[in-house]
Every structure is written in C-alpha cells, then in structure tokens.
Protein backbone atom coordinates (compact mmCIF):
# COMPACT_ATOMS: atom_id res chain seq x y z
CA MET A 1 -29.74 6.47 76.50
CA SER A 2 -30.75 2.97 75.39
CA HIS A 3 -30.03 1.24 72.06
CA SER A 4 -33.54 2.08 70.88
CA GLU A 5 -33.15 5.77 71.79
CA TRP A 6 -29.81 5.94 69.97
CA ALA A 7 -31.38 4.33 66.91
CA GLU A 8 -34.39 6.67 66.97
CA SER A 9 -32.12 9.72 67.15
CA GLN A 10 -29.99 8.42 64.28
CA LEU A 11 -32.97 7.71 62.05
CA ALA A 12 -34.57 11.09 62.81
CA GLU A 13 -31.37 12.88 61.86
CA MET A 14 -30.97 10.81 58.68
CA GLU A 15 -34.52 11.69 57.61
CA LEU A 16 -33.86 15.37 58.32
CA LEU A 17 -30.66 15.26 56.27
CA CYS A 18 -32.51 13.60 53.38
CA SER A 19 -35.08 16.39 53.39
CA MET A 20 -32.45 19.13 53.53
CA PHE A 21 -30.17 17.56 50.91
CA PRO A 22 -32.63 15.86 48.53
CA THR A 23 -30.29 15.06 45.61
CA GLN A 24 -27.45 12.57 45.39
CA GLU A 25 -25.16 15.44 44.42
CA GLU A 26 -25.74 16.79 47.95
CA LEU A 27 -26.26 13.64 50.05
CA GLU A 28 -25.05 10.17 49.07
CA ILE A 29 -25.96 7.28 51.37
CA THR A 30 -23.15 4.82 50.82
CA ASP A 31 -24.66 1.98 52.86
CA GLN A 32 -28.35 1.71 52.03
CA LEU A 33 -28.62 -1.68 53.76
CA ALA A 34 -27.47 -0.20 57.07
CA LEU A 35 -30.11 2.52 56.82
CA ALA A 36 -32.81 -0.05 56.02
CA GLU A 37 -31.76 -2.18 59.01
CA LEU A 38 -31.80 0.89 61.26
CA ARG A 39 -35.34 1.75 60.13
CA GLU A 40 -36.54 -1.83 60.68
CA TYR A 41 -35.14 -1.80 64.22
CA VAL A 42 -36.75 1.55 65.08
CA GLU A 43 -40.09 0.43 63.64
CA GLY A 44 -39.96 -2.79 65.66
CA SER A 45 -39.59 -5.20 62.73
CA THR A 46 -36.45 -6.69 64.29
CA PRO A 47 -35.72 -7.00 68.02
CA THR A 48 -31.93 -6.62 67.97
CA PRO A 49 -29.88 -3.51 67.14
CA PRO A 50 -28.47 -3.64 63.60
CA PRO A 51 -24.82 -4.77 63.31
CA SER A 52 -23.95 -2.31 60.53
CA ARG A 53 -23.69 1.46 60.84
CA PRO A 54 -25.18 4.07 58.46
CA GLN A 55 -22.54 5.76 56.31
CA PHE A 56 -23.11 8.75 54.05
CA LEU A 57 -21.44 11.66 52.25
CA ILE A 58 -22.54 15.29 52.39
CA LYS A 59 -21.14 17.37 49.55
CA HIS A 60 -21.06 21.10 49.00
CA ARG A 61 -19.12 23.64 46.98
CA MET A 62 -17.69 26.77 48.50
CA ASP A 63 -16.16 29.92 47.07
CA THR A 64 -12.58 30.62 48.08
CA ALA A 65 -10.31 33.51 47.18
CA MET A 66 -8.98 31.53 44.21
CA ASN A 67 -11.79 29.32 42.92
CA VAL A 68 -14.78 27.12 43.75
CA THR A 69 -13.76 24.23 45.98
CA ALA A 70 -15.59 20.94 46.54
CA VAL A 71 -15.79 19.83 50.16
CA THR A 72 -17.15 16.44 51.21
CA LEU A 73 -18.01 15.25 54.72
CA SER A 74 -17.84 11.49 55.11
CA CYS A 75 -19.96 10.45 58.11
CA THR A 76 -20.43 7.17 59.97
CA TYR A 77 -22.63 6.65 63.01
CA PRO A 78 -21.14 4.68 65.91
CA SER A 79 -23.72 2.34 67.47
CA ASP A 80 -24.03 4.60 70.54
CA TYR A 81 -24.29 7.93 68.69
CA PRO A 82 -25.34 10.54 69.79
CA SER A 83 -23.90 9.65 73.19
CA VAL A 84 -20.53 9.75 71.41
CA LEU A 85 -19.46 11.81 68.43
CA PRO A 86 -19.96 10.47 64.90
CA GLU A 87 -16.95 9.64 62.79
CA ILE A 88 -16.58 12.58 60.40
CA THR A 89 -13.85 12.98 57.82
CA VAL A 90 -13.59 16.15 55.73
CA ARG A 91 -12.20 15.69 52.23
CA CYS A 92 -10.97 18.57 50.11
CA ALA A 93 -8.36 18.51 47.37
CA ASP A 94 -7.14 21.95 48.41
CA LEU A 95 -6.25 20.86 51.95
CA SER A 96 -2.80 19.56 52.77
CA ARG A 97 -2.55 16.60 55.11
CA ALA A 98 -1.42 18.86 57.96
CA GLN A 99 -4.32 21.25 57.36
CA GLN A 100 -6.78 18.37 57.17
CA THR A 101 -5.51 16.94 60.45
CA GLN A 102 -5.80 20.34 62.14
CA LEU A 103 -9.30 20.88 60.73
CA HIS A 104 -10.44 17.50 62.07
CA ALA A 105 -9.02 18.26 65.50
CA ASP A 106 -10.68 21.69 65.65
CA LEU A 107 -14.00 20.32 64.38
CA ASN A 108 -14.02 17.59 67.02
CA ALA A 109 -13.11 20.09 69.74
CA TYR A 110 -16.04 22.27 68.64
CA LEU A 111 -18.48 19.33 68.64
CA ILE A 112 -17.28 18.18 72.07
CA GLU A 113 -17.81 21.67 73.49
CA HIS A 114 -21.15 22.45 71.89
CA CYS A 115 -22.88 19.21 70.86
CA ARG A 116 -21.97 16.50 73.35
CA GLY A 117 -24.85 14.03 73.70
CA GLU A 118 -26.85 15.54 70.83
CA VAL A 119 -27.16 14.79 67.12
CA CYS A 120 -24.56 17.02 65.50
CA VAL A 121 -24.02 16.28 61.81
CA LEU A 122 -25.79 19.48 60.75
CA SER A 123 -23.71 21.45 63.25
CA ALA A 124 -20.61 19.86 61.76
CA VAL A 125 -21.71 20.79 58.23
CA GLU A 126 -22.31 24.41 59.24
CA TRP A 127 -18.97 24.61 61.07
CA VAL A 128 -17.13 23.27 58.03
CA LYS A 129 -18.91 25.76 55.75
CA ASP A 130 -17.96 28.62 58.07
CA ASN A 131 -14.37 27.57 58.74
CA SER A 132 -12.91 25.34 56.04
CA ASN A 133 -11.74 28.26 53.92
CA LEU A 134 -9.49 29.30 56.83
CA TYR A 135 -7.48 26.09 56.40
CA ILE A 136 -7.15 26.06 52.62
CA ASN A 137 -3.84 27.23 51.19
CA LYS A 138 -3.98 30.68 49.63
CA SER A 139 -0.42 30.05 48.43
CA SER A 140 2.11 27.25 48.73
CA SER A 141 3.51 28.80 51.91
CA ALA A 142 0.26 29.95 53.50
CA ALA A 143 -0.56 28.67 56.96
CA PRO A 144 -4.13 28.12 58.12
CA VAL A 145 -5.67 31.05 59.98
CA LEU A 146 -7.58 29.87 63.01
CA LYS A 147 -10.43 31.70 64.66
CA LYS A 148 -9.10 30.68 68.06
CA GLU A 149 -6.61 28.29 69.52
CA SER A 150 -8.18 24.90 70.05
CA ALA A 151 -8.01 23.23 73.44
CA GLU A 152 -5.87 20.11 73.52
CA VAL A 153 -7.97 16.95 73.41
CA PHE A 154 -7.10 13.40 74.45
CA SER A 155 -8.68 10.74 72.24
CA ARG A 156 -9.13 6.99 72.31
CA LEU A 157 -10.26 5.31 69.10
CA TRP A 158 -11.71 1.80 69.09
CA ILE A 159 -11.39 0.50 65.53
CA TYR A 160 -13.18 -2.57 64.18
CA SER A 161 -12.12 -4.50 61.08
CA HIS A 162 -13.77 -7.52 59.50
CA HIS A 163 -10.35 -9.16 59.73
CA ILE A 164 -6.66 -8.31 60.05
CA TYR A 165 -4.43 -10.96 58.47
CA ASN A 166 -1.97 -9.16 56.20
CA LYS A 167 1.51 -8.97 57.73
CA ALA A 168 2.30 -5.63 56.07
CA LYS A 169 -0.85 -4.04 57.52
CA ARG A 170 -0.09 -5.46 60.95
CA LYS A 171 3.43 -4.04 60.74
CA ASN A 172 2.09 -0.62 59.65
CA ILE A 173 -0.36 -0.51 62.55
CA VAL A 174 2.41 -1.13 65.09
CA GLU A 175 4.98 1.16 63.46
CA TRP A 176 2.57 4.06 62.89
CA SER A 177 1.34 3.88 66.48
CA LYS A 178 4.88 4.09 67.81
CA GLU A 179 5.84 6.84 65.34
CA LEU A 180 2.87 8.94 66.50
CA GLN A 181 3.53 8.09 70.18
CA LEU A 182 0.16 6.41 70.60
CA SER A 183 -0.52 3.67 73.11
CA GLY A 184 -3.03 0.83 72.80
CA PHE A 185 -3.08 -2.56 71.10
CA SER A 186 -4.07 -4.42 67.97
CA MET A 187 -5.67 -7.86 67.86
CA PRO A 188 -5.17 -9.55 64.48
CA GLY A 189 -7.47 -12.26 63.16
CA LYS A 190 -11.20 -12.28 62.56
CA PRO A 191 -12.53 -9.88 63.68
CA GLY A 192 -9.68 -7.41 64.00
CA VAL A 193 -9.58 -4.92 66.85
CA VAL A 194 -7.32 -1.86 67.15
CA CYS A 195 -7.27 0.68 69.96
CA VAL A 196 -5.10 3.81 69.86
CA GLU A 197 -5.00 6.58 72.45
CA GLY A 198 -3.13 9.84 72.80
CA PRO A 199 -3.35 13.41 71.46
CA GLN A 200 -6.35 13.78 69.18
CA THR A 201 -4.29 15.09 66.27
CA ALA A 202 -2.07 12.01 66.40
CA CYS A 203 -5.10 9.67 66.60
CA GLU A 204 -6.68 11.37 63.59
CA GLU A 205 -3.42 11.06 61.66
CA PHE A 206 -3.24 7.35 62.50
CA TRP A 207 -6.83 6.79 61.34
CA SER A 208 -6.27 8.76 58.13
CA ARG A 209 -3.42 6.37 57.25
CA VAL A 210 -5.10 3.12 58.28
CA LYS A 211 -8.50 3.65 56.67
CA VAL A 212 -7.07 4.17 53.17
CA LEU A 213 -5.51 0.70 53.15
CA THR A 214 -7.52 -2.02 51.43
CA TRP A 215 -10.04 -3.54 53.85
CA LYS A 216 -13.16 -5.64 53.49
CA LYS A 217 -14.67 -3.50 56.25
CA ILE A 218 -13.15 -1.09 58.76
CA MET A 219 -14.73 1.56 60.98
CA ILE A 220 -14.34 3.42 64.23
CA ARG A 221 -16.74 1.46 66.42
CA HIS A 222 -16.38 3.82 69.39
CA ARG A 223 -14.37 6.88 70.29
CA GLU A 224 -13.63 8.82 73.45
CA ASP A 225 -12.64 12.50 73.31
CA ILE A 226 -11.64 14.24 76.53
CA PRO A 227 -10.68 17.96 76.57
CA LEU A 228 -7.61 18.57 78.74
CA ASP A 229 -8.48 21.19 81.32
CA SER A 230 -5.55 23.20 82.66
CA ALA A 231 -7.50 23.62 85.92
CA THR A 232 -7.27 19.88 86.61
CA ALA A 233 -4.35 17.50 86.89
CA GLU A 234 -5.41 15.53 83.82
CA THR A 235 -2.72 15.08 81.19
CA THR A 236 -2.42 12.88 78.13
CA ASP A 237 -0.26 10.41 80.04
CA SER A 238 -2.56 10.31 83.08
CA LEU A 239 -5.53 9.40 80.87
CA ARG A 240 -3.80 6.53 79.08
CA LYS A 241 -5.09 3.04 79.88
CA PHE A 242 -2.21 1.35 78.04
CA SER A 243 1.49 1.81 78.78
CA GLY A 244 2.62 1.35 75.18
CA PHE A 245 1.44 -0.22 71.94
CA GLU A 246 1.48 -3.97 71.32
CA GLU A 247 0.02 -6.60 69.04
CA ALA A 248 -1.93 -8.92 71.31
CA ALA A 249 -2.99 -12.51 70.58
CA PHE A 250 -5.44 -14.44 72.74
CA ASP A 251 -5.13 -18.21 72.25
CA PRO A 252 -5.47 -18.25 68.42
CA HIS A 253 -7.58 -21.17 67.18
CA GLY A 254 -9.67 -22.30 64.20
CA ASN A 255 -8.60 -23.94 60.97
CA ARG A 256 -6.35 -21.04 60.05
CA GLY A 257 -5.53 -19.98 63.59
CA ASN A 258 -7.33 -16.73 62.90
CA HIS A 259 -9.90 -16.64 65.71
CA MET A 260 -9.07 -15.29 69.16
CA ASP A 261 -10.43 -16.27 72.56
CA LEU A 262 -12.82 -13.39 73.23
CA GLY A 263 -13.00 -14.31 76.90
CA GLN A 264 -9.30 -13.58 77.21
CA LEU A 265 -9.79 -10.33 75.30
CA TYR A 266 -12.50 -9.34 77.81
CA HIS A 267 -10.18 -9.96 80.76
CA PHE A 268 -7.41 -8.03 78.99
CA LEU A 269 -9.77 -5.06 78.66
CA HIS A 270 -11.10 -5.49 82.20
CA GLU A 271 -7.59 -5.29 83.64
CA ARG A 272 -7.17 -1.92 81.93
CA GLY A 273 -10.52 -0.49 83.01
CA CYS A 274 -12.17 -0.48 79.60
CA CYS A 275 -14.26 -3.67 79.53
CA ASP A 276 -17.41 -1.67 78.68
CA VAL A 277 -16.22 -1.44 75.10
CA PHE A 278 -16.53 -5.23 74.76
CA GLN A 279 -20.32 -4.97 74.50
CA ILE A 280 -20.01 -2.14 71.98
CA TYR A 281 -17.86 -4.36 69.78
CA PHE A 282 -19.70 -7.66 70.10
CA GLY A 283 -23.19 -6.83 71.38
CA ILE A 284 -22.84 -9.09 74.43
CA GLU A 285 -21.56 -8.63 77.95
CA GLY A 286 -18.20 -10.22 78.64
CA ARG A 287 -17.40 -12.39 81.61
C-alpha cells in the first residue's frame, strides 16, 4: 500500500468509529490536529503525509462478577497502518500489571492472526469486550483464565521521542532493556530513537514503563510482530537484528551537542538489515 492508501484507510476507520461512538464519553480524540492533517492529506489539500499520528481513546463499561468496570482502549495509528498493527493499550483499574501485559500480548496475537493488513480497531474493541473479564482478578489470588494458550510472538518496537536528554531516562532505558533481556539501541538527542526487540510480553512491559515517564512527545512509530512457528527454525534469538542493547551516538553536533548525524544512523541501521525504518522515522530515504 502507498502513503495515500494508508491515510485513506485510517480516515475511513476514524469516521466509522465516530459514527459508532458519537459521544466523548465513548470516543475521545486526543489529537484533533493530527486528525485534521490526515483529512487534509486525503482530500488533497496538502501533498505530503502528515507528520503527526491520530490518537484516540475508546471507553466502555462492562459488567464483571463483582461490579461495573471501566475499560479504556488507547489507540495510536502508525504512519503505515493498516500494513502494521496500531498501537493499542488497554487500561483498567482492575487489572494487575501482569494481567495487563498478558492481555496486550494475547490481543496482539489475535490481531496478527486475524487482522493482518486490515483496519482492526473495531476488532480489537470487540475482542477486549469478549475477553477482558477473563483477566480481571476475581480475588487477590485469582489468575487470569485464558480461552486458549497464545502463540509466542517476537516483537520489534521502533519508538520515536521528540528528544531524549535526561540522564535518568537514558539510564532507565538501558537498564530496563537489559533487565527484560531485550536487544536493540537507543539514540539520545533530538529526535530520540529507541528500538527494542525480543519476546512480545517483554517489549510490551518495556513500553508500559517508558511511556509513563514525562515526555514532550513519544510514540511507537513502527512495530514488527512475528509469530514463532514451531514448524520452522525461527526462534527469538534467530530473529534478533541486534546482539545486545546499547546507547548509540552518531557524531553529536549543534550548540548543545544534541543532534546526531542521521547519515551515520542510516548506515548503522543498514548494517543490521533494517534501513527501511529510516524512511518511516524521517520521511526520506537514507543514503
């Protein structure tokens, strides 16, 4: 699909969601400017794809054995959605962190199996409605009851931040990656780039920690999710493009030394077989 086809699919789905969830109590568009820019691009008012991504919340209330529980889906479109999955986070006060991580992993596995290459937010909403009560604690010792065992999935998250300067955040990124046995790299400065790869549950846990820190802007720009098939020789380690996790700097320059040489970043990615993501990040082809 082309940029224009991605944008048309995104706008069509947004308009459908707005018709199905007409009130702000059901659907809250948290970045109205991004939606306006998307519409202008689809309608031909601007020739270049919009730099920002539509973000929105879908809220619903569900009956559980104990009470009525509020569940919110926080959704962000990557630029190349629906060729890749959207970023979806499920929030529920009755879910423990472990249950939330498991729910995210099972939801993504379902979307990969049934919705790859198609708009899928409504499918995600229906899956959460049908399954979220299985993950919610019925007591302090209750474990989530799963409909079926989820296939293991290898994930690679490409995270974009407006900037990464803070030393504590940079330290957290490195330490959390190593704690969760994720490989990849982080590039501090402006913009900031982070890539983590490994088991999907570990990637989701990493993202759940990073995104709640204070940022001017942070998002998953692109993600790759690959089910591990027992019939093939593919394993988590065989799919890794990075041997470990490192903080990488590429000839820092500028008044504050906070800008990196993007040409060196491109070659760094090229050497690891993932230079295609450069255009996703910056909208231009590297060389």
